[in-house]
Amino acid sequence: FLADKMVQKAKGSQFALFLSLYALCSILTTFTSNDIVILTFTPF
């Protein structure tokens, strides 16, 4: 759900999507773990 919101906020810009992805993965990693984020987001 958070990932889809991130894609919508990017509005077609790969640069904005890249920064949004970095921010989202960073935030989620701090509260979960690096392994969880990597295994969750890679297939998506």
All heavy atoms as atom14 arrays in JSON, in Angstrom:
{
  "sequence": "FLADKMVQKAKGSQFALFLSLYALCSILTTFTSNDIVILTFTPF",
  "atom14_mask": [
    [1, 1, 1, 1, 1, 1, 1, 1, 1, 1, 1, 0, 0, 0],
    [1, 1, 1, 1, 1, 1, 1, 1, 0, 0, 0, 0, 0, 0],
    [1, 1, 1, 1, 1, 0, 0, 0, 0, 0, 0, 0, 0, 0],
    [1, 1, 1, 1, 1, 1, 1, 1, 0, 0, 0, 0, 0, 0],
    [1, 1, 1, 1, 1, 1, 1, 1, 1, 0, 0, 0, 0, 0],
    [1, 1, 1, 1, 1, 1, 1, 1, 0, 0, 0, 0, 0, 0],
    [1, 1, 1, 1, 1, 1, 1, 0, 0, 0, 0, 0, 0, 0],
    [1, 1, 1, 1, 1, 1, 1, 1, 1, 0, 0, 0, 0, 0],
    [1, 1, 1, 1, 1, 1, 1, 1, 1, 0, 0, 0, 0, 0],
    [1, 1, 1, 1, 1, 0, 0, 0, 0, 0, 0, 0, 0, 0],
    [1, 1, 1, 1, 1, 1, 1, 1, 1, 0, 0, 0, 0, 0],
    [1, 1, 1, 1, 0, 0, 0, 0, 0, 0, 0, 0, 0, 0],
    [1, 1, 1, 1, 1, 1, 0, 0, 0, 0, 0, 0, 0, 0],
    [1, 1, 1, 1, 1, 1, 1, 1, 1, 0, 0, 0, 0, 0],
    [1, 1, 1, 1, 1, 1, 1, 1, 1, 1, 1, 0, 0, 0],
    [1, 1, 1, 1, 1, 0, 0, 0, 0, 0, 0, 0, 0, 0],
    [1, 1, 1, 1, 1, 1, 1, 1, 0, 0, 0, 0, 0, 0],
    [1, 1, 1, 1, 1, 1, 1, 1, 1, 1, 1, 0, 0, 0],
    [1, 1, 1, 1, 1, 1, 1, 1, 0, 0, 0, 0, 0, 0],
    [1, 1, 1, 1, 1, 1, 0, 0, 0, 0, 0, 0, 0, 0],
    [1, 1, 1, 1, 1, 1, 1, 1, 0, 0, 0, 0, 0, 0],
    [1, 1, 1, 1, 1, 1, 1, 1, 1, 1, 1, 1, 0, 0],
    [1, 1, 1, 1, 1, 0, 0, 0, 0, 0, 0, 0, 0, 0],
    [1, 1, 1, 1, 1, 1, 1, 1, 0, 0, 0, 0, 0, 0],
    [1, 1, 1, 1, 1, 1, 0, 0, 0, 0, 0, 0, 0, 0],
    [1, 1, 1, 1, 1, 1, 0, 0, 0, 0, 0, 0, 0, 0],
    [1, 1, 1, 1, 1, 1, 1, 1, 0, 0, 0, 0, 0, 0],
    [1, 1, 1, 1, 1, 1, 1, 1, 0, 0, 0, 0, 0, 0],
    [1, 1, 1, 1, 1, 1, 1, 0, 0, 0, 0, 0, 0, 0],
    [1, 1, 1, 1, 1, 1, 1, 0, 0, 0, 0, 0, 0, 0],
    [1, 1, 1, 1, 1, 1, 1, 1, 1, 1, 1, 0, 0, 0],
    [1, 1, 1, 1, 1, 1, 1, 0, 0, 0, 0, 0, 0, 0],
    [1, 1, 1, 1, 1, 1, 0, 0, 0, 0, 0, 0, 0, 0],
    [1, 1, 1, 1, 1, 1, 1, 1, 0, 0, 0, 0, 0, 0],
    [1, 1, 1, 1, 1, 1, 1, 1, 0, 0, 0, 0, 0, 0],
    [1, 1, 1, 1, 1, 1, 1, 1, 0, 0, 0, 0, 0, 0],
    [1, 1, 1, 1, 1, 1, 1, 0, 0, 0, 0, 0, 0, 0],
    [1, 1, 1, 1, 1, 1, 1, 1, 0, 0, 0, 0, 0, 0],
    [1, 1, 1, 1, 1, 1, 1, 1, 0, 0, 0, 0, 0, 0],
    [1, 1, 1, 1, 1, 1, 1, 0, 0, 0, 0, 0, 0, 0],
    [1, 1, 1, 1, 1, 1, 1, 1, 1, 1, 1, 0, 0, 0],
    [1, 1, 1, 1, 1, 1, 1, 0, 0, 0, 0, 0, 0, 0],
    [1, 1, 1, 1, 1, 1, 1, 0, 0, 0, 0, 0, 0, 0],
    [1, 1, 1, 1, 1, 1, 1, 1, 1, 1, 1, 0, 0, 0]
  ],
  "atom14_positions": [
    [[0.84, -1.21, 0.0], [0.0, 0.0, 0.0], [0.88, 1.26, 0.0], [0.62, 2.2, -0.76], [-0.91, -0.03, 1.22], [-1.74, 1.21, 1.4], [-2.89, 1.41, 0.64], [-1.38, 2.18, 2.33], [-3.65, 2.56, 0.8], [-2.13, 3.32, 2.49], [-3.28, 3.52, 1.73], [0.0, 0.0, 0.0], [0.0, 0.0, 0.0], [0.0, 0.0, 0.0]],
    [[1.89, 1.28, 0.84], [2.8, 2.42, 0.88], [3.55, 2.58, -0.45], [3.76, 3.69, -0.93], [3.81, 2.25, 2.01], [3.28, 2.34, 3.45], [4.41, 2.14, 4.44], [2.58, 3.67, 3.69], [0.0, 0.0, 0.0], [0.0, 0.0, 0.0], [0.0, 0.0, 0.0], [0.0, 0.0, 0.0], [0.0, 0.0, 0.0], [0.0, 0.0, 0.0]],
    [[3.93, 1.45, -1.04], [4.64, 1.49, -2.32], [3.76, 2.08, -3.42], [4.22, 2.88, -4.25], [5.1, 0.1, -2.7], [0.0, 0.0, 0.0], [0.0, 0.0, 0.0], [0.0, 0.0, 0.0], [0.0, 0.0, 0.0], [0.0, 0.0, 0.0], [0.0, 0.0, 0.0], [0.0, 0.0, 0.0], [0.0, 0.0, 0.0], [0.0, 0.0, 0.0]],
    [[2.5, 1.69, -3.44], [1.58, 2.24, -4.45], [1.37, 3.73, -4.26], [1.28, 4.5, -5.23], [0.23, 1.51, -4.38], [0.26, 0.19, -5.11], [1.28, -0.11, -5.76], [-0.73, -0.56, -5.02], [0.0, 0.0, 0.0], [0.0, 0.0, 0.0], [0.0, 0.0, 0.0], [0.0, 0.0, 0.0], [0.0, 0.0, 0.0], [0.0, 0.0, 0.0]],
    [[1.27, 4.17, -3.02], [1.15, 5.6, -2.74], [2.38, 6.35, -3.24], [2.29, 7.45, -3.79], [0.98, 5.83, -1.24], [-0.36, 5.38, -0.69], [-1.5, 6.22, -1.26], [-2.83, 5.83, -0.67], [-3.95, 6.62, -1.27], [0.0, 0.0, 0.0], [0.0, 0.0, 0.0], [0.0, 0.0, 0.0], [0.0, 0.0, 0.0], [0.0, 0.0, 0.0]],
    [[3.53, 5.72, -3.07], [4.78, 6.32, -3.53], [4.78, 6.49, -5.05], [5.18, 7.53, -5.58], [5.95, 5.43, -3.11], [7.3, 5.83, -3.65], [8.5, 4.51, -3.4], [7.91, 3.32, -4.61], [0.0, 0.0, 0.0], [0.0, 0.0, 0.0], [0.0, 0.0, 0.0], [0.0, 0.0, 0.0], [0.0, 0.0, 0.0], [0.0, 0.0, 0.0]],
    [[4.3, 5.47, -5.78], [4.25, 5.53, -7.24], [3.3, 6.65, -7.69], [3.58, 7.39, -8.64], [3.8, 4.18, -7.81], [3.53, 4.29, -9.31], [4.86, 3.11, -7.54], [0.0, 0.0, 0.0], [0.0, 0.0, 0.0], [0.0, 0.0, 0.0], [0.0, 0.0, 0.0], [0.0, 0.0, 0.0], [0.0, 0.0, 0.0], [0.0, 0.0, 0.0]],
    [[2.17, 6.79, -7.01], [1.21, 7.83, -7.37], [1.78, 9.22, -7.15], [1.57, 10.13, -7.95], [-0.07, 7.66, -6.54], [-0.84, 6.38, -6.86], [-1.99, 6.14, -5.9], [-2.44, 7.06, -5.23], [-2.46, 4.9, -5.81], [0.0, 0.0, 0.0], [0.0, 0.0, 0.0], [0.0, 0.0, 0.0], [0.0, 0.0, 0.0], [0.0, 0.0, 0.0]],
    [[2.55, 9.4, -6.08], [3.16, 10.7, -5.79], [4.24, 11.07, -6.81], [4.5, 12.25, -7.04], [3.76, 10.7, -4.39], [2.74, 10.58, -3.26], [1.88, 11.82, -3.16], [0.92, 11.71, -1.97], [0.04, 12.92, -1.87], [0.0, 0.0, 0.0], [0.0, 0.0, 0.0], [0.0, 0.0, 0.0], [0.0, 0.0, 0.0], [0.0, 0.0, 0.0]],
    [[4.86, 10.06, -7.43], [5.93, 10.34, -8.39], [5.42, 11.02, -9.65], [6.15, 11.76, -10.31], [6.64, 9.04, -8.76], [0.0, 0.0, 0.0], [0.0, 0.0, 0.0], [0.0, 0.0, 0.0], [0.0, 0.0, 0.0], [0.0, 0.0, 0.0], [0.0, 0.0, 0.0], [0.0, 0.0, 0.0], [0.0, 0.0, 0.0], [0.0, 0.0, 0.0]],
    [[4.15, 10.75, -10.04], [3.5, 11.4, -11.19], [4.32, 11.27, -12.47], [4.54, 12.23, -13.2], [3.23, 12.87, -10.89], [2.25, 13.08, -9.74], [2.0, 14.55, -9.47], [1.0, 14.74, -8.34], [0.74, 16.16, -8.04], [0.0, 0.0, 0.0], [0.0, 0.0, 0.0], [0.0, 0.0, 0.0], [0.0, 0.0, 0.0], [0.0, 0.0, 0.0]],
    [[4.82, 10.05, -12.73], [5.49, 9.79, -14.0], [6.96, 10.12, -14.03], [7.64, 9.83, -15.01], [0.0, 0.0, 0.0], [0.0, 0.0, 0.0], [0.0, 0.0, 0.0], [0.0, 0.0, 0.0], [0.0, 0.0, 0.0], [0.0, 0.0, 0.0], [0.0, 0.0, 0.0], [0.0, 0.0, 0.0], [0.0, 0.0, 0.0], [0.0, 0.0, 0.0]],
    [[7.5, 10.73, -13.01], [8.92, 11.1, -12.99], [9.75, 10.0, -12.35], [9.54, 9.64, -11.19], [9.1, 12.41, -12.21], [10.47, 12.64, -11.94], [0.0, 0.0, 0.0], [0.0, 0.0, 0.0], [0.0, 0.0, 0.0], [0.0, 0.0, 0.0], [0.0, 0.0, 0.0], [0.0, 0.0, 0.0], [0.0, 0.0, 0.0], [0.0, 0.0, 0.0]],
    [[10.71, 9.47, -13.1], [11.59, 8.43, -12.54], [12.47, 9.01, -11.44], [12.78, 8.32, -10.46], [12.47, 7.82, -13.64], [11.73, 6.91, -14.59], [12.66, 5.94, -15.28], [13.34, 5.16, -14.64], [12.68, 5.99, -16.6], [0.0, 0.0, 0.0], [0.0, 0.0, 0.0], [0.0, 0.0, 0.0], [0.0, 0.0, 0.0], [0.0, 0.0, 0.0]],
    [[12.89, 10.23, -11.6], [13.74, 10.86, -10.59], [12.99, 10.98, -9.26], [13.52, 10.64, -8.2], [14.18, 12.24, -11.07], [15.1, 12.96, -10.12], [16.44, 12.63, -10.05], [14.62, 13.96, -9.29], [17.29, 13.28, -9.17], [15.45, 14.62, -8.4], [16.8, 14.28, -8.35], [0.0, 0.0, 0.0], [0.0, 0.0, 0.0], [0.0, 0.0, 0.0]],
    [[11.73, 11.44, -9.33], [10.91, 11.56, -8.11], [10.63, 10.19, -7.51], [10.63, 10.03, -6.29], [9.6, 12.28, -8.44], [0.0, 0.0, 0.0], [0.0, 0.0, 0.0], [0.0, 0.0, 0.0], [0.0, 0.0, 0.0], [0.0, 0.0, 0.0], [0.0, 0.0, 0.0], [0.0, 0.0, 0.0], [0.0, 0.0, 0.0], [0.0, 0.0, 0.0]],
    [[10.39, 9.21, -8.38], [10.13, 7.85, -7.89], [11.36, 7.28, -7.19], [11.26, 6.63, -6.15], [9.73, 6.95, -9.07], [9.45, 5.49, -8.72], [8.29, 5.39, -7.74], [9.16, 4.69, -9.99], [0.0, 0.0, 0.0], [0.0, 0.0, 0.0], [0.0, 0.0, 0.0], [0.0, 0.0, 0.0], [0.0, 0.0, 0.0], [0.0, 0.0, 0.0]],
    [[12.53, 7.55, -7.75], [13.79, 7.08, -7.17], [13.98, 7.64, -5.76], [14.28, 6.92, -4.82], [14.95, 7.49, -8.08], [16.29, 6.96, -7.65], [16.72, 5.72, -8.1], [17.11, 7.69, -6.81], [17.96, 5.22, -7.71], [18.35, 7.21, -6.43], [18.78, 5.97, -6.87], [0.0, 0.0, 0.0], [0.0, 0.0, 0.0], [0.0, 0.0, 0.0]],
    [[13.77, 8.95, -5.62], [13.92, 9.58, -4.3], [12.85, 9.1, -3.32], [13.15, 8.88, -2.14], [13.83, 11.1, -4.46], [14.98, 11.78, -5.22], [14.72, 13.28, -5.33], [16.31, 11.52, -4.53], [0.0, 0.0, 0.0], [0.0, 0.0, 0.0], [0.0, 0.0, 0.0], [0.0, 0.0, 0.0], [0.0, 0.0, 0.0], [0.0, 0.0, 0.0]],
    [[11.64, 8.9, -3.82], [10.56, 8.41, -2.95], [10.84, 7.0, -2.47], [10.62, 6.66, -1.3], [9.22, 8.44, -3.7], [8.88, 9.75, -4.1], [0.0, 0.0, 0.0], [0.0, 0.0, 0.0], [0.0, 0.0, 0.0], [0.0, 0.0, 0.0], [0.0, 0.0, 0.0], [0.0, 0.0, 0.0], [0.0, 0.0, 0.0], [0.0, 0.0, 0.0]],
    [[11.36, 6.18, -3.39], [11.7, 4.81, -3.02], [12.8, 4.78, -1.96], [12.73, 4.02, -0.99], [12.15, 4.03, -4.26], [12.64, 2.6, -4.0], [11.48, 1.73, -3.53], [13.28, 2.01, -5.25], [0.0, 0.0, 0.0], [0.0, 0.0, 0.0], [0.0, 0.0, 0.0], [0.0, 0.0, 0.0], [0.0, 0.0, 0.0], [0.0, 0.0, 0.0]],
    [[13.8, 5.63, -2.15], [14.9, 5.68, -1.18], [14.37, 6.09, 0.2], [14.73, 5.48, 1.21], [15.97, 6.67, -1.65], [17.2, 6.67, -0.77], [18.23, 5.78, -1.0], [17.32, 7.55, 0.3], [19.36, 5.75, -0.19], [18.44, 7.54, 1.13], [19.46, 6.64, 0.86], [20.56, 6.62, 1.68], [0.0, 0.0, 0.0], [0.0, 0.0, 0.0]],
    [[13.5, 7.09, 0.2], [12.94, 7.56, 1.48], [12.09, 6.48, 2.14], [12.19, 6.24, 3.35], [12.12, 8.82, 1.25], [0.0, 0.0, 0.0], [0.0, 0.0, 0.0], [0.0, 0.0, 0.0], [0.0, 0.0, 0.0], [0.0, 0.0, 0.0], [0.0, 0.0, 0.0], [0.0, 0.0, 0.0], [0.0, 0.0, 0.0], [0.0, 0.0, 0.0]],
    [[11.25, 5.81, 1.35], [10.35, 4.8, 1.89], [11.14, 3.61, 2.45], [10.88, 3.16, 3.57], [9.38, 4.32, 0.81], [8.38, 3.25, 1.23], [7.5, 3.75, 2.37], [7.52, 2.83, 0.05], [0.0, 0.0, 0.0], [0.0, 0.0, 0.0], [0.0, 0.0, 0.0], [0.0, 0.0, 0.0], [0.0, 0.0, 0.0], [0.0, 0.0, 0.0]],
    [[12.1, 3.11, 1.68], [12.91, 1.98, 2.15], [13.71, 2.35, 3.39], [13.89, 1.52, 4.3], [13.85, 1.49, 1.05], [13.01, 0.66, -0.31], [0.0, 0.0, 0.0], [0.0, 0.0, 0.0], [0.0, 0.0, 0.0], [0.0, 0.0, 0.0], [0.0, 0.0, 0.0], [0.0, 0.0, 0.0], [0.0, 0.0, 0.0], [0.0, 0.0, 0.0]],
    [[14.18, 3.58, 3.43], [14.96, 4.04, 4.59], [14.1, 4.06, 5.85], [14.52, 3.59, 6.92], [15.52, 5.43, 4.32], [16.37, 5.43, 3.19], [0.0, 0.0, 0.0], [0.0, 0.0, 0.0], [0.0, 0.0, 0.0], [0.0, 0.0, 0.0], [0.0, 0.0, 0.0], [0.0, 0.0, 0.0], [0.0, 0.0, 0.0], [0.0, 0.0, 0.0]],
    [[12.89, 4.6, 5.72], [11.99, 4.69, 6.88], [11.58, 3.3, 7.36], [11.62, 3.0, 8.56], [10.75, 5.52, 6.53], [11.15, 6.98, 6.28], [9.71, 5.44, 7.64], [10.04, 7.83, 5.7], [0.0, 0.0, 0.0], [0.0, 0.0, 0.0], [0.0, 0.0, 0.0], [0.0, 0.0, 0.0], [0.0, 0.0, 0.0], [0.0, 0.0, 0.0]],
    [[11.21, 2.44, 6.42], [10.77, 1.1, 6.81], [11.89, 0.29, 7.42], [11.69, -0.49, 8.35], [10.19, 0.37, 5.59], [8.89, 0.94, 5.04], [8.43, 0.16, 3.82], [7.8, 0.92, 6.11], [0.0, 0.0, 0.0], [0.0, 0.0, 0.0], [0.0, 0.0, 0.0], [0.0, 0.0, 0.0], [0.0, 0.0, 0.0], [0.0, 0.0, 0.0]],
    [[13.11, 0.47, 6.91], [14.26, -0.28, 7.44], [14.53, 0.08, 8.9], [14.87, -0.79, 9.7], [15.52, 0.01, 6.6], [15.32, -0.47, 5.27], [16.74, -0.68, 7.19], [0.0, 0.0, 0.0], [0.0, 0.0, 0.0], [0.0, 0.0, 0.0], [0.0, 0.0, 0.0], [0.0, 0.0, 0.0], [0.0, 0.0, 0.0], [0.0, 0.0, 0.0]],
    [[14.38, 1.36, 9.23], [14.66, 1.77, 10.61], [13.73, 1.11, 11.61], [14.1, 0.9, 12.76], [14.55, 3.31, 10.76], [13.23, 3.72, 10.4], [15.55, 4.01, 9.86], [0.0, 0.0, 0.0], [0.0, 0.0, 0.0], [0.0, 0.0, 0.0], [0.0, 0.0, 0.0], [0.0, 0.0, 0.0], [0.0, 0.0, 0.0], [0.0, 0.0, 0.0]],
    [[12.51, 0.76, 11.17], [11.54, 0.18, 12.09], [11.38, -1.33, 11.92], [10.7, -1.97, 12.73], [10.17, 0.84, 11.92], [10.15, 2.26, 12.4], [10.23, 3.32, 11.51], [10.06, 2.54, 13.75], [10.23, 4.63, 11.95], [10.06, 3.85, 14.21], [10.14, 4.9, 13.3], [0.0, 0.0, 0.0], [0.0, 0.0, 0.0], [0.0, 0.0, 0.0]],
    [[11.97, -1.9, 10.88], [11.88, -3.35, 10.69], [13.3, -3.92, 10.68], [13.92, -4.04, 11.7], [11.13, -3.67, 9.39], [11.77, -3.03, 8.27], [9.7, -3.17, 9.47], [0.0, 0.0, 0.0], [0.0, 0.0, 0.0], [0.0, 0.0, 0.0], [0.0, 0.0, 0.0], [0.0, 0.0, 0.0], [0.0, 0.0, 0.0], [0.0, 0.0, 0.0]],
    [[13.79, -4.3, 9.52], [15.18, -4.72, 9.37], [15.51, -4.67, 7.89], [14.62, -4.69, 7.04], [15.4, -6.13, 9.92], [14.92, -7.1, 9.02], [0.0, 0.0, 0.0], [0.0, 0.0, 0.0], [0.0, 0.0, 0.0], [0.0, 0.0, 0.0], [0.0, 0.0, 0.0], [0.0, 0.0, 0.0], [0.0, 0.0, 0.0], [0.0, 0.0, 0.0]],
    [[16.8, -4.63, 7.59], [17.21, -4.54, 6.19], [16.76, -5.77, 5.4], [16.33, -5.66, 4.24], [18.73, -4.35, 6.07], [19.52, -5.41, 6.84], [18.97, -6.19, 7.61], [20.81, -5.42, 6.62], [0.0, 0.0, 0.0], [0.0, 0.0, 0.0], [0.0, 0.0, 0.0], [0.0, 0.0, 0.0], [0.0, 0.0, 0.0], [0.0, 0.0, 0.0]],
    [[16.84, -6.95, 5.99], [16.45, -8.17, 5.28], [14.97, -8.15, 4.91], [14.59, -8.53, 3.8], [16.74, -9.4, 6.15], [18.22, -9.61, 6.38], [19.02, -9.02, 5.62], [18.59, -10.34, 7.3], [0.0, 0.0, 0.0], [0.0, 0.0, 0.0], [0.0, 0.0, 0.0], [0.0, 0.0, 0.0], [0.0, 0.0, 0.0], [0.0, 0.0, 0.0]],
    [[14.14, -7.72, 5.84], [12.69, -7.68, 5.6], [12.37, -6.75, 4.43], [11.59, -7.09, 3.54], [11.94, -7.23, 6.87], [12.12, -8.26, 7.99], [10.47, -7.01, 6.57], [11.51, -9.6, 7.72], [0.0, 0.0, 0.0], [0.0, 0.0, 0.0], [0.0, 0.0, 0.0], [0.0, 0.0, 0.0], [0.0, 0.0, 0.0], [0.0, 0.0, 0.0]],
    [[12.97, -5.57, 4.42], [12.7, -4.59, 3.36], [13.16, -5.12, 2.0], [12.44, -5.02, 1.0], [13.38, -3.25, 3.68], [13.31, -2.3, 2.49], [12.71, -2.6, 4.89], [0.0, 0.0, 0.0], [0.0, 0.0, 0.0], [0.0, 0.0, 0.0], [0.0, 0.0, 0.0], [0.0, 0.0, 0.0], [0.0, 0.0, 0.0], [0.0, 0.0, 0.0]],
    [[14.36, -5.69, 1.96], [14.89, -6.19, 0.7], [14.03, -7.32, 0.15], [13.68, -7.34, -1.03], [16.35, -6.67, 0.89], [17.26, -5.45, 1.1], [16.83, -7.48, -0.31], [18.65, -5.79, 1.57], [0.0, 0.0, 0.0], [0.0, 0.0, 0.0], [0.0, 0.0, 0.0], [0.0, 0.0, 0.0], [0.0, 0.0, 0.0], [0.0, 0.0, 0.0]],
    [[13.67, -8.27, 0.99], [12.87, -9.41, 0.54], [11.44, -9.0, 0.2], [10.79, -9.64, -0.61], [12.85, -10.5, 1.62], [14.22, -11.12, 1.93], [14.09, -12.16, 3.04], [14.83, -11.75, 0.69], [0.0, 0.0, 0.0], [0.0, 0.0, 0.0], [0.0, 0.0, 0.0], [0.0, 0.0, 0.0], [0.0, 0.0, 0.0], [0.0, 0.0, 0.0]],
    [[10.96, -7.92, 0.81], [9.6, -7.45, 0.55], [9.5, -6.64, -0.73], [8.61, -6.85, -1.56], [9.11, -6.58, 1.73], [9.07, -7.38, 2.91], [7.72, -6.02, 1.45], [0.0, 0.0, 0.0], [0.0, 0.0, 0.0], [0.0, 0.0, 0.0], [0.0, 0.0, 0.0], [0.0, 0.0, 0.0], [0.0, 0.0, 0.0], [0.0, 0.0, 0.0]],
    [[10.44, -5.72, -0.93], [10.32, -4.77, -2.03], [10.9, -5.27, -3.35], [10.48, -4.8, -4.41], [11.0, -3.45, -1.65], [10.09, -2.5, -0.94], [9.91, -2.59, 0.43], [9.38, -1.54, -1.63], [9.06, -1.73, 1.09], [8.53, -0.68, -0.98], [8.36, -0.77, 0.39], [0.0, 0.0, 0.0], [0.0, 0.0, 0.0], [0.0, 0.0, 0.0]],
    [[11.83, -6.18, -3.32], [12.47, -6.62, -4.57], [11.47, -7.21, -5.57], [11.45, -6.8, -6.73], [13.61, -7.61, -4.27], [14.59, -6.96, -3.45], [14.27, -8.06, -5.56], [0.0, 0.0, 0.0], [0.0, 0.0, 0.0], [0.0, 0.0, 0.0], [0.0, 0.0, 0.0], [0.0, 0.0, 0.0], [0.0, 0.0, 0.0], [0.0, 0.0, 0.0]],
    [[10.62, -8.17, -5.16], [9.63, -8.68, -6.13], [8.69, -7.59, -6.65], [8.35, -7.57, -7.85], [8.86, -9.74, -5.32], [9.79, -10.14, -4.23], [10.54, -8.89, -3.88], [0.0, 0.0, 0.0], [0.0, 0.0, 0.0], [0.0, 0.0, 0.0], [0.0, 0.0, 0.0], [0.0, 0.0, 0.0], [0.0, 0.0, 0.0], [0.0, 0.0, 0.0]],
    [[8.28, -6.67, -5.77], [7.4, -5.58, -6.19], [8.08, -4.7, -7.24], [7.49, -4.35, -8.26], [7.01, -4.73, -4.98], [6.44, -3.38, -5.35], [5.14, -3.27, -5.79], [7.23, -2.25, -5.27], [4.62, -2.02, -6.14], [6.72, -1.0, -5.62], [5.41, -0.89, -6.05], [0.0, 0.0, 0.0], [0.0, 0.0, 0.0], [0.0, 0.0, 0.0]]
  ]
}
